[in-house]
Amino acid sequence: MKKPKLVVMAAGLGSRYGGLKQMEPITEENEIILDFACYDAVKAGFEDIIFIIKPEMEDVFKERVLTPMSGYVNTSYVFQEINQLPDGYEVPNGRVKPWGTCHAVLAARELLDGSFAVINSDDYYGSDAFINVFNFLITNNEENTFCMAGYHVENTLSDQGIVTRGICTIEGGYLTEIKETRGVGRGEDGVITGEYGIKIPEGTVVSMNFWGFTGKIMDEIISGFPSFLDEAFVKNPMNAEYLLPVEIGKLIEEDKCRVQVLEADDQWYGVTYQKDKRVVMEAFRQLKAEGKYPQKLWI
């Protein structure tokens, strides 16, 4: 049986952060969040990592990410470009951004020949999530059954402002609904709310875009892309995005897949805002001090 591969979505700019946050060092050893994700993935058993990047990132990405981890894991990369569209479709005049996370996964389809996991490049997920997703992928025998690492909402907030989270409804350990919710944050009264003031109880599971898929997901994404574009060209040609949580929610609703939720107790870390960096740097300094990571990840 082929081992699952890891797909890392690293083509986003991070507009709220104000720069190419994927490359921001967060340790004195000049490591970035992605180094920790890849380190955890390798320890969990992943042997192949595919990075999805933008062409203009190629040189710095090879130097900053690929070279340090050479010898530890097999790496490759592909470009996510705006003009990667089905036959008969053209990029609308004025559109500058790619088409979202489903589009990103499609960019890697030629390098995928079995089960795979997908993560964001700028999120710290914790080691347990990689172990759980890897173990699911190597034991799952149902092509229409996927998995998702789920996090408790209180462990995924930023002290610097609101965030967007996929709020999950779960029954019997399986995802029944996922709702992308903007404006998630903790108020001065300590209560977590989302857009329109909706209260979100602590312990609510949210998605952080850490998925485990069989090859079946690629067929579904490919077949759904034209319908997405037809609607996008009419309603929002400049900014519409083909998003994994939205499409997976549709597949669940249409009874085309099941998604097992693997709940994680780990604290999430990320750099949504510039001021998050100081908090994240201290968190990783402490993780190293506790012995959870070596002083330098890639020797």
C-alpha atoms as a PDB file:
ATOM      1  CA  MET A   1       0.000   0.000   0.000  1.00  0.00           C
ATOM      2  CA  LYS A   2       1.305   3.431  -0.963  1.00  0.00           C
ATOM      3  CA  LYS A   3       1.918   5.820   1.879  1.00  0.00           C
ATOM      4  CA  PRO A   4      -0.214   8.975   1.853  1.00  0.00           C
ATOM      5  CA  LYS A   5       1.367  12.232   0.763  1.00  0.00           C
ATOM      6  CA  LEU A   6       1.074  15.663   2.337  1.00  0.00           C
ATOM      7  CA  VAL A   7      -0.084  18.648   0.269  1.00  0.00           C
ATOM      8  CA  VAL A   8       0.794  22.086   1.657  1.00  0.00           C
ATOM      9  CA  MET A   9      -1.129  25.106   0.354  1.00  0.00           C
ATOM     10  CA  ALA A  10       1.416  27.931   0.392  1.00  0.00           C
ATOM     11  CA  ALA A  11       0.337  30.299  -2.376  1.00  0.00           C
ATOM     12  CA  GLY A  12      -1.646  32.799  -0.283  1.00  0.00           C
ATOM     13  CA  LEU A  13      -0.329  36.253   0.545  1.00  0.00           C
ATOM     14  CA  GLY A  14      -2.079  36.893   3.876  1.00  0.00           C
ATOM     15  CA  SER A  15      -3.670  40.285   3.244  1.00  0.00           C
ATOM     16  CA  ARG A  16      -4.569  41.001   6.885  1.00  0.00           C
ATOM     17  CA  TYR A  17      -1.032  40.180   7.943  1.00  0.00           C
ATOM     18  CA  GLY A  18       0.479  42.583   5.444  1.00  0.00           C
ATOM     19  CA  GLY A  19       3.093  40.455   3.728  1.00  0.00           C
ATOM     20  CA  LEU A  20       4.328  37.009   2.778  1.00  0.00           C
ATOM     21  CA  LYS A  21       3.659  35.496   6.193  1.00  0.00           C
ATOM     22  CA  GLN A  22       4.688  31.998   5.120  1.00  0.00           C
ATOM     23  CA  MET A  23       8.325  33.144   5.205  1.00  0.00           C
ATOM     24  CA  GLU A  24       8.306  35.028   8.519  1.00  0.00           C
ATOM     25  CA  PRO A  25      10.872  33.538  10.970  1.00  0.00           C
ATOM     26  CA  ILE A  26       9.307  32.746  14.347  1.00  0.00           C
ATOM     27  CA  THR A  27      12.348  31.318  16.162  1.00  0.00           C
ATOM     28  CA  GLU A  28      15.889  32.501  16.839  1.00  0.00           C
ATOM     29  CA  GLU A  29      17.027  29.643  14.571  1.00  0.00           C
ATOM     30  CA  ASN A  30      15.205  31.376  11.683  1.00  0.00           C
ATOM     31  CA  GLU A  31      12.519  28.679  11.431  1.00  0.00           C
ATOM     32  CA  ILE A  32       9.032  29.387  10.125  1.00  0.00           C
ATOM     33  CA  ILE A  33       5.698  27.835  11.155  1.00  0.00           C
ATOM     34  CA  LEU A  34       5.836  25.594   8.091  1.00  0.00           C
ATOM     35  CA  ASP A  35       9.063  24.010   9.382  1.00  0.00           C
ATOM     36  CA  PHE A  36       7.209  22.766  12.458  1.00  0.00           C
ATOM     37  CA  ALA A  37       4.292  21.414  10.422  1.00  0.00           C
ATOM     38  CA  CYS A  38       6.655  19.504   8.136  1.00  0.00           C
ATOM     39  CA  TYR A  39       8.704  18.248  11.087  1.00  0.00           C
ATOM     40  CA  ASP A  40       5.536  16.911  12.735  1.00  0.00           C
ATOM     41  CA  ALA A  41       4.413  15.362   9.440  1.00  0.00           C
ATOM     42  CA  VAL A  42       7.702  13.511   8.972  1.00  0.00           C
ATOM     43  CA  LYS A  43       7.604  12.191  12.550  1.00  0.00           C
ATOM     44  CA  ALA A  44       4.041  10.981  11.951  1.00  0.00           C
ATOM     45  CA  GLY A  45       5.125   8.948   8.906  1.00  0.00           C
ATOM     46  CA  PHE A  46       4.685  11.156   5.833  1.00  0.00           C
ATOM     47  CA  GLU A  47       7.541  10.627   3.376  1.00  0.00           C
ATOM     48  CA  ASP A  48       6.445  12.909   0.503  1.00  0.00           C
ATOM     49  CA  ILE A  49       5.433  16.565   0.750  1.00  0.00           C
ATOM     50  CA  ILE A  50       4.047  18.557  -2.184  1.00  0.00           C
ATOM     51  CA  PHE A  51       4.056  22.349  -1.842  1.00  0.00           C
ATOM     52  CA  ILE A  52       1.684  24.555  -3.814  1.00  0.00           C
ATOM     53  CA  ILE A  53       3.268  27.953  -4.381  1.00  0.00           C
ATOM     54  CA  LYS A  54       3.169  30.968  -6.683  1.00  0.00           C
ATOM     55  CA  PRO A  55       5.797  31.268  -9.433  1.00  0.00           C
ATOM     56  CA  GLU A  56       7.241  34.446  -7.921  1.00  0.00           C
ATOM     57  CA  MET A  57       7.946  32.564  -4.669  1.00  0.00           C
ATOM     58  CA  GLU A  58      10.006  29.827  -6.317  1.00  0.00           C
ATOM     59  CA  ASP A  59      13.577  30.940  -5.598  1.00  0.00           C
ATOM     60  CA  VAL A  60      13.063  32.025  -1.994  1.00  0.00           C
ATOM     61  CA  PHE A  61      10.918  28.960  -1.289  1.00  0.00           C
ATOM     62  CA  LYS A  62      13.564  26.571  -2.566  1.00  0.00           C
ATOM     63  CA  GLU A  63      16.244  28.284  -0.480  1.00  0.00           C
ATOM     64  CA  ARG A  64      14.198  28.877   2.652  1.00  0.00           C
ATOM     65  CA  VAL A  65      12.024  25.731   2.826  1.00  0.00           C
ATOM     66  CA  LEU A  66      13.187  22.925   0.558  1.00  0.00           C
ATOM     67  CA  THR A  67      16.940  23.053   1.120  1.00  0.00           C
ATOM     68  CA  PRO A  68      16.880  22.828   4.965  1.00  0.00           C
ATOM     69  CA  MET A  69      14.653  19.741   4.969  1.00  0.00           C
ATOM     70  CA  SER A  70      16.399  17.906   2.147  1.00  0.00           C
ATOM     71  CA  GLY A  71      17.520  14.523   3.410  1.00  0.00           C
ATOM     72  CA  TYR A  72      14.600  14.288   5.810  1.00  0.00           C
ATOM     73  CA  VAL A  73      11.672  13.996   3.388  1.00  0.00           C
ATOM     74  CA  ASN A  74      10.959  13.875  -0.354  1.00  0.00           C
ATOM     75  CA  THR A  75       9.790  17.289  -1.535  1.00  0.00           C
ATOM     76  CA  SER A  76       8.307  18.673  -4.727  1.00  0.00           C
ATOM     77  CA  TYR A  77       6.348  21.771  -5.674  1.00  0.00           C
ATOM     78  CA  VAL A  78       3.783  22.949  -8.190  1.00  0.00           C
ATOM     79  CA  PHE A  79       2.452  26.356  -9.119  1.00  0.00           C
ATOM     80  CA  GLN A  80      -1.071  27.580  -8.512  1.00  0.00           C
ATOM     81  CA  GLU A  81      -1.817  30.015 -11.294  1.00  0.00           C
ATOM     82  CA  ILE A  82      -4.968  31.913 -12.090  1.00  0.00           C
ATOM     83  CA  ASN A  83      -5.202  30.625 -15.664  1.00  0.00           C
ATOM     84  CA  GLN A  84      -5.376  26.950 -14.645  1.00  0.00           C
ATOM     85  CA  LEU A  85      -8.998  26.534 -15.730  1.00  0.00           C
ATOM     86  CA  PRO A  86     -11.096  23.867 -17.478  1.00  0.00           C
ATOM     87  CA  ASP A  87     -11.263  23.948 -21.269  1.00  0.00           C
ATOM     88  CA  GLY A  88     -13.567  26.675 -22.526  1.00  0.00           C
ATOM     89  CA  TYR A  89     -13.053  29.039 -19.579  1.00  0.00           C
ATOM     90  CA  GLU A  90     -10.946  32.200 -19.485  1.00  0.00           C
ATOM     91  CA  VAL A  91      -9.882  34.441 -16.632  1.00  0.00           C
ATOM     92  CA  PRO A  92     -12.238  37.445 -16.303  1.00  0.00           C
ATOM     93  CA  ASN A  93     -10.659  40.794 -17.102  1.00  0.00           C
ATOM     94  CA  GLY A  94      -9.336  42.334 -13.886  1.00  0.00           C
ATOM     95  CA  ARG A  95      -9.143  39.111 -11.860  1.00  0.00           C
ATOM     96  CA  VAL A  96      -5.742  38.794 -10.127  1.00  0.00           C
ATOM     97  CA  LYS A  97      -6.198  36.167  -7.397  1.00  0.00           C
ATOM     98  CA  PRO A  98      -6.301  32.383  -7.875  1.00  0.00           C
ATOM     99  CA  TRP A  99      -9.497  30.446  -7.301  1.00  0.00           C
ATOM    100  CA  GLY A 100      -9.232  29.172  -3.730  1.00  0.00           C
ATOM    101  CA  THR A 101      -8.266  26.011  -1.883  1.00  0.00           C
ATOM    102  CA  CYS A 102     -10.014  23.501  -4.188  1.00  0.00           C
ATOM    103  CA  HIS A 103      -8.156  25.129  -7.066  1.00  0.00           C
ATOM    104  CA  ALA A 104      -4.913  24.797  -5.098  1.00  0.00           C
ATOM    105  CA  VAL A 105      -5.428  21.057  -4.598  1.00  0.00           C
ATOM    106  CA  LEU A 106      -6.151  20.656  -8.320  1.00  0.00           C
ATOM    107  CA  ALA A 107      -2.737  22.135  -9.088  1.00  0.00           C
ATOM    108  CA  ALA A 108      -1.131  19.080  -7.442  1.00  0.00           C
ATOM    109  CA  ARG A 109      -3.251  16.404  -9.140  1.00  0.00           C
ATOM    110  CA  GLU A 110      -0.470  15.139 -11.446  1.00  0.00           C
ATOM    111  CA  LEU A 111       1.689  14.306  -8.410  1.00  0.00           C
ATOM    112  CA  LEU A 112      -1.019  12.492  -6.460  1.00  0.00           C
ATOM    113  CA  ASP A 113      -1.732   8.800  -6.968  1.00  0.00           C
ATOM    114  CA  GLY A 114      -3.517   7.810  -3.785  1.00  0.00           C
ATOM    115  CA  SER A 115      -4.559   9.141  -0.387  1.00  0.00           C
ATOM    116  CA  PHE A 116      -3.231  12.487   0.802  1.00  0.00           C
ATOM    117  CA  ALA A 117      -3.559  15.098   3.521  1.00  0.00           C
ATOM    118  CA  VAL A 118      -3.969  18.840   2.963  1.00  0.00           C
ATOM    119  CA  ILE A 119      -2.875  21.675   5.266  1.00  0.00           C
ATOM    120  CA  ASN A 120      -2.356  25.427   5.217  1.00  0.00           C
ATOM    121  CA  SER A 121       1.262  26.567   5.239  1.00  0.00           C
ATOM    122  CA  ASP A 122       0.833  29.197   7.947  1.00  0.00           C
ATOM    123  CA  ASP A 123      -0.940  27.225  10.667  1.00  0.00           C
ATOM    124  CA  TYR A 124       0.582  25.273  13.553  1.00  0.00           C
ATOM    125  CA  TYR A 125      -1.539  22.167  14.054  1.00  0.00           C
ATOM    126  CA  GLY A 126       0.358  20.234  16.729  1.00  0.00           C
ATOM    127  CA  SER A 127       1.939  16.812  16.410  1.00  0.00           C
ATOM    128  CA  ASP A 128      -1.072  14.711  17.442  1.00  0.00           C
ATOM    129  CA  ALA A 129      -3.147  15.881  14.483  1.00  0.00           C
ATOM    130  CA  PHE A 130      -0.548  14.621  11.988  1.00  0.00           C
ATOM    131  CA  ILE A 131      -0.355  11.257  13.734  1.00  0.00           C
ATOM    132  CA  ASN A 132      -4.139  10.888  13.766  1.00  0.00           C
ATOM    133  CA  VAL A 133      -4.632  11.892  10.126  1.00  0.00           C
ATOM    134  CA  PHE A 134      -1.754   9.716   8.905  1.00  0.00           C
ATOM    135  CA  ASN A 135      -3.082   6.682  10.794  1.00  0.00           C
ATOM    136  CA  PHE A 136      -6.555   7.280   9.388  1.00  0.00           C
ATOM    137  CA  LEU A 137      -5.246   7.424   5.828  1.00  0.00           C
ATOM    138  CA  ILE A 138      -3.235   4.220   6.048  1.00  0.00           C
ATOM    139  CA  THR A 139      -6.137   2.243   7.551  1.00  0.00           C
ATOM    140  CA  ASN A 140      -9.138   3.706   5.704  1.00  0.00           C
ATOM    141  CA  ASN A 141     -10.523   1.377   3.012  1.00  0.00           C
ATOM    142  CA  GLU A 142     -13.574   3.403   1.966  1.00  0.00           C
ATOM    143  CA  GLU A 143     -12.960   5.729  -0.978  1.00  0.00           C
ATOM    144  CA  ASN A 144     -15.870   8.005  -0.050  1.00  0.00           C
ATOM    145  CA  THR A 145     -14.768   8.410   3.576  1.00  0.00           C
ATOM    146  CA  PHE A 146     -12.433  11.301   4.399  1.00  0.00           C
ATOM    147  CA  CYS A 147     -11.229  12.828   7.659  1.00  0.00           C
ATOM    148  CA  MET A 148     -10.703  16.240   9.192  1.00  0.00           C
ATOM    149  CA  ALA A 149      -8.630  17.387  12.152  1.00  0.00           C
ATOM    150  CA  GLY A 150     -11.031  19.349  14.345  1.00  0.00           C
ATOM    151  CA  TYR A 151      -9.970  21.969  16.889  1.00  0.00           C
ATOM    152  CA  HIS A 152     -11.822  23.497  19.816  1.00  0.00           C
ATOM    153  CA  VAL A 153     -12.670  27.063  18.895  1.00  0.00           C
ATOM    154  CA  GLU A 154     -11.134  28.549  22.049  1.00  0.00           C
ATOM    155  CA  ASN A 155      -7.746  27.140  20.980  1.00  0.00           C
ATOM    156  CA  THR A 156      -7.825  28.862  17.586  1.00  0.00           C
ATOM    157  CA  LEU A 157      -8.400  32.528  18.403  1.00  0.00           C
ATOM    158  CA  SER A 158      -6.166  35.557  17.912  1.00  0.00           C
ATOM    159  CA  ASP A 159      -5.761  38.157  20.643  1.00  0.00           C
ATOM    160  CA  GLN A 160      -5.212  40.765  17.934  1.00  0.00           C
ATOM    161  CA  GLY A 161      -8.547  40.615  16.112  1.00  0.00           C
ATOM    162  CA  ILE A 162     -11.286  38.513  14.609  1.00  0.00           C
ATOM    163  CA  VAL A 163     -10.749  35.426  12.447  1.00  0.00           C
ATOM    164  CA  THR A 164     -12.740  33.218  10.099  1.00  0.00           C
ATOM    165  CA  ARG A 165     -13.419  29.643  11.168  1.00  0.00           C
ATOM    166  CA  GLY A 166     -15.340  26.684   9.786  1.00  0.00           C
ATOM    167  CA  ILE A 167     -17.884  25.945  12.524  1.00  0.00           C
ATOM    168  CA  CYS A 168     -18.664  22.221  12.531  1.00  0.00           C
ATOM    169  CA  THR A 169     -21.733  20.197  13.428  1.00  0.00           C
ATOM    170  CA  ILE A 170     -20.855  16.610  14.339  1.00  0.00           C
ATOM    171  CA  GLU A 171     -22.992  13.529  14.854  1.00  0.00           C
ATOM    172  CA  GLY A 172     -21.546  10.175  15.877  1.00  0.00           C
ATOM    173  CA  GLY A 173     -18.006  11.370  15.182  1.00  0.00           C
ATOM    174  CA  TYR A 174     -18.797  12.440  11.610  1.00  0.00           C
ATOM    175  CA  LEU A 175     -19.168  15.912  10.122  1.00  0.00           C
ATOM    176  CA  THR A 176     -22.745  16.766   9.171  1.00  0.00           C
ATOM    177  CA  GLU A 177     -22.332  20.463   8.421  1.00  0.00           C
ATOM    178  CA  ILE A 178     -19.545  23.021   8.177  1.00  0.00           C
ATOM    179  CA  LYS A 179     -20.289  26.730   8.083  1.00  0.00           C
ATOM    180  CA  GLU A 180     -17.628  29.295   7.233  1.00  0.00           C
ATOM    181  CA  THR A 181     -18.111  31.963   9.897  1.00  0.00           C
ATOM    182  CA  ARG A 182     -16.452  35.370   9.846  1.00  0.00           C
ATOM    183  CA  GLY A 183     -15.837  37.686  12.757  1.00  0.00           C
ATOM    184  CA  VAL A 184     -14.962  34.980  15.285  1.00  0.00           C
ATOM    185  CA  GLY A 185     -13.364  36.323  18.458  1.00  0.00           C
ATOM    186  CA  ARG A 186     -13.643  36.619  22.229  1.00  0.00           C
ATOM    187  CA  GLY A 187     -15.358  39.734  23.547  1.00  0.00           C
ATOM    188  CA  GLU A 188     -14.502  41.755  26.645  1.00  0.00           C
ATOM    189  CA  ASP A 189     -17.078  39.684  28.518  1.00  0.00           C
ATOM    190  CA  GLY A 190     -15.141  36.514  27.667  1.00  0.00           C
ATOM    191  CA  VAL A 191     -17.850  35.179  25.369  1.00  0.00           C
ATOM    192  CA  ILE A 192     -16.842  33.879  21.922  1.00  0.00           C
ATOM    193  CA  THR A 193     -19.039  35.176  19.124  1.00  0.00           C
ATOM    194  CA  GLY A 194     -19.097  35.134  15.328  1.00  0.00           C
ATOM    195  CA  GLU A 195     -20.668  37.376  12.701  1.00  0.00           C
ATOM    196  CA  TYR A 196     -24.019  38.925  13.622  1.00  0.00           C
ATOM    197  CA  GLY A 197     -23.187  38.348  17.304  1.00  0.00           C
ATOM    198  CA  ILE A 198     -23.877  34.625  17.189  1.00  0.00           C
ATOM    199  CA  LYS A 199     -22.544  32.967  20.358  1.00  0.00           C
ATOM    200  CA  ILE A 200     -20.115  30.081  19.855  1.00  0.00           C
ATOM    201  CA  PRO A 201     -19.821  27.845  22.962  1.00  0.00           C
ATOM    202  CA  GLU A 202     -16.359  26.829  24.114  1.00  0.00           C
ATOM    203  CA  GLY A 203     -15.606  23.301  22.969  1.00  0.00           C
ATOM    204  CA  THR A 204     -17.244  23.901  19.582  1.00  0.00           C
ATOM    205  CA  VAL A 205     -15.204  22.098  16.921  1.00  0.00           C
ATOM    206  CA  VAL A 206     -13.874  24.162  14.037  1.00  0.00           C
ATOM    207  CA  SER A 207     -12.007  23.295  10.868  1.00  0.00           C
ATOM    208  CA  MET A 208      -8.533  24.684  10.267  1.00  0.00           C
ATOM    209  CA  ASN A 209      -8.221  23.241   6.748  1.00  0.00           C
ATOM    210  CA  PHE A 210      -6.443  20.045   7.788  1.00  0.00           C
ATOM    211  CA  TRP A 211      -8.039  17.285   5.716  1.00  0.00           C
ATOM    212  CA  GLY A 212      -7.345  13.662   4.872  1.00  0.00           C
ATOM    213  CA  PHE A 213      -8.634  12.497   1.478  1.00  0.00           C
ATOM    214  CA  THR A 214      -8.744   9.503  -0.779  1.00  0.00           C
ATOM    215  CA  GLY A 215      -8.219  10.076  -4.498  1.00  0.00           C
ATOM    216  CA  LYS A 216     -12.011  10.300  -4.861  1.00  0.00           C
ATOM    217  CA  ILE A 217     -11.971  13.925  -3.741  1.00  0.00           C
ATOM    218  CA  MET A 218     -10.047  14.891  -6.870  1.00  0.00           C
ATOM    219  CA  ASP A 219     -12.803  13.514  -9.102  1.00  0.00           C
ATOM    220  CA  GLU A 220     -15.393  15.519  -7.185  1.00  0.00           C
ATOM    221  CA  ILE A 221     -13.394  18.759  -7.306  1.00  0.00           C
ATOM    222  CA  ILE A 222     -12.735  18.414 -11.033  1.00  0.00           C
ATOM    223  CA  SER A 223     -16.379  17.680 -11.827  1.00  0.00           C
ATOM    224  CA  GLY A 224     -17.620  20.579  -9.691  1.00  0.00           C
ATOM    225  CA  PHE A 225     -15.230  23.234 -10.987  1.00  0.00           C
ATOM    226  CA  PRO A 226     -17.206  24.242 -14.126  1.00  0.00           C
ATOM    227  CA  SER A 227     -20.414  24.728 -12.112  1.00  0.00           C
ATOM    228  CA  PHE A 228     -18.539  26.880  -9.615  1.00  0.00           C
ATOM    229  CA  LEU A 229     -17.077  29.008 -12.410  1.00  0.00           C
ATOM    230  CA  ASP A 230     -20.441  29.444 -14.136  1.00  0.00           C
ATOM    231  CA  GLU A 231     -21.888  30.889 -10.942  1.00  0.00           C
ATOM    232  CA  ALA A 232     -18.753  32.858 -10.041  1.00  0.00           C
ATOM    233  CA  PHE A 233     -18.574  34.605 -13.424  1.00  0.00           C
ATOM    234  CA  VAL A 234     -22.103  35.933 -12.859  1.00  0.00           C
ATOM    235  CA  LYS A 235     -22.096  36.762  -9.149  1.00  0.00           C
ATOM    236  CA  ASN A 236     -18.505  37.610  -8.158  1.00  0.00           C
ATOM    237  CA  PRO A 237     -15.970  37.234 -10.982  1.00  0.00           C
ATOM    238  CA  MET A 238     -13.205  39.156  -9.172  1.00  0.00           C
ATOM    239  CA  ASN A 239     -13.192  37.445  -5.781  1.00  0.00           C
ATOM    240  CA  ALA A 240     -15.183  34.187  -5.771  1.00  0.00           C
ATOM    241  CA  GLU A 241     -13.204  31.231  -4.373  1.00  0.00           C
ATOM    242  CA  TYR A 242     -13.653  27.494  -4.832  1.00  0.00           C
ATOM    243  CA  LEU A 243     -13.220  26.452  -1.200  1.00  0.00           C
ATOM    244  CA  LEU A 244     -12.668  23.009   0.307  1.00  0.00           C
ATOM    245  CA  PRO A 245     -15.006  23.450   3.301  1.00  0.00           C
ATOM    246  CA  VAL A 246     -17.844  24.656   1.072  1.00  0.00           C
ATOM    247  CA  GLU A 247     -17.478  21.843  -1.446  1.00  0.00           C
ATOM    248  CA  ILE A 248     -17.093  19.176   1.234  1.00  0.00           C
ATOM    249  CA  GLY A 249     -20.222  20.509   2.891  1.00  0.00           C
ATOM    250  CA  LYS A 250     -22.071  20.068  -0.410  1.00  0.00           C
ATOM    251  CA  LEU A 251     -20.766  16.525  -0.841  1.00  0.00           C
ATOM    252  CA  ILE A 252     -21.957  15.632   2.666  1.00  0.00           C
ATOM    253  CA  GLU A 253     -25.363  17.150   1.974  1.00  0.00           C
ATOM    254  CA  GLU A 254     -25.620  15.150  -1.265  1.00  0.00           C
ATOM    255  CA  ASP A 255     -24.561  11.980   0.602  1.00  0.00           C
ATOM    256  CA  LYS A 256     -21.482  11.600  -1.616  1.00  0.00           C
ATOM    257  CA  CYS A 257     -18.975  11.351   1.224  1.00  0.00           C
ATOM    258  CA  ARG A 258     -18.502  10.956   4.961  1.00  0.00           C
ATOM    259  CA  VAL A 259     -15.929  12.920   6.956  1.00  0.00           C
ATOM    260  CA  GLN A 260     -14.685  11.487  10.244  1.00  0.00           C
ATOM    261  CA  VAL A 261     -13.709  14.241  12.675  1.00  0.00           C
ATOM    262  CA  LEU A 262     -10.475  13.617  14.573  1.00  0.00           C
ATOM    263  CA  GLU A 263     -10.647  16.045  17.474  1.00  0.00           C
ATOM    264  CA  ALA A 264      -7.373  17.625  18.597  1.00  0.00           C
ATOM    265  CA  ASP A 265      -6.663  19.207  21.973  1.00  0.00           C
ATOM    266  CA  ASP A 266      -3.612  21.055  20.651  1.00  0.00           C
ATOM    267  CA  GLN A 267      -3.340  24.813  20.794  1.00  0.00           C
ATOM    268  CA  TRP A 268      -3.370  26.354  17.314  1.00  0.00           C
ATOM    269  CA  TYR A 269      -0.862  29.064  16.462  1.00  0.00           C
ATOM    270  CA  GLY A 270      -0.805  31.317  13.438  1.00  0.00           C
ATOM    271  CA  VAL A 271       0.056  34.807  12.265  1.00  0.00           C
ATOM    272  CA  THR A 272      -3.202  36.285  11.058  1.00  0.00           C
ATOM    273  CA  TYR A 273      -2.043  39.745  12.167  1.00  0.00           C
ATOM    274  CA  GLN A 274       1.419  41.300  12.522  1.00  0.00           C
ATOM    275  CA  LYS A 275       1.088  41.495  16.310  1.00  0.00           C
ATOM    276  CA  ASP A 276       0.458  37.733  16.461  1.00  0.00           C
ATOM    277  CA  LYS A 277       4.129  37.147  15.673  1.00  0.00           C
ATOM    278  CA  ARG A 278       5.367  38.048  19.153  1.00  0.00           C
ATOM    279  CA  VAL A 279       2.914  35.612  20.782  1.00  0.00           C
ATOM    280  CA  VAL A 280       3.818  32.842  18.344  1.00  0.00           C
ATOM    281  CA  MET A 281       7.563  33.337  18.859  1.00  0.00           C
ATOM    282  CA  GLU A 282       7.161  32.971  22.619  1.00  0.00           C
ATOM    283  CA  ALA A 283       4.988  29.868  22.167  1.00  0.00           C
ATOM    284  CA  PHE A 284       7.616  28.090  20.067  1.00  0.00           C
ATOM    285  CA  ARG A 285      10.395  29.144  22.422  1.00  0.00           C
ATOM    286  CA  GLN A 286       8.424  27.480  25.223  1.00  0.00           C
ATOM    287  CA  LEU A 287       7.719  24.331  23.165  1.00  0.00           C
ATOM    288  CA  LYS A 288      11.438  23.925  22.581  1.00  0.00           C
ATOM    289  CA  ALA A 289      12.211  24.597  26.242  1.00  0.00           C
ATOM    290  CA  GLU A 290       9.770  21.821  27.166  1.00  0.00           C
ATOM    291  CA  GLY A 291      11.615  19.422  24.862  1.00  0.00           C
ATOM    292  CA  LYS A 292       8.740  18.985  22.411  1.00  0.00           C
ATOM    293  CA  TYR A 293      11.049  20.069  19.600  1.00  0.00           C
ATOM    294  CA  PRO A 294      14.843  20.088  19.233  1.00  0.00           C
ATOM    295  CA  GLN A 295      16.599  23.424  19.425  1.00  0.00           C
ATOM    296  CA  LYS A 296      17.092  23.291  15.654  1.00  0.00           C
ATOM    297  CA  LEU A 297      14.616  21.278  13.591  1.00  0.00           C
ATOM    298  CA  TRP A 298      16.699  20.584  10.474  1.00  0.00           C
ATOM    299  CA  ILE A 299      20.344  19.996  11.318  1.00  0.00           C
END
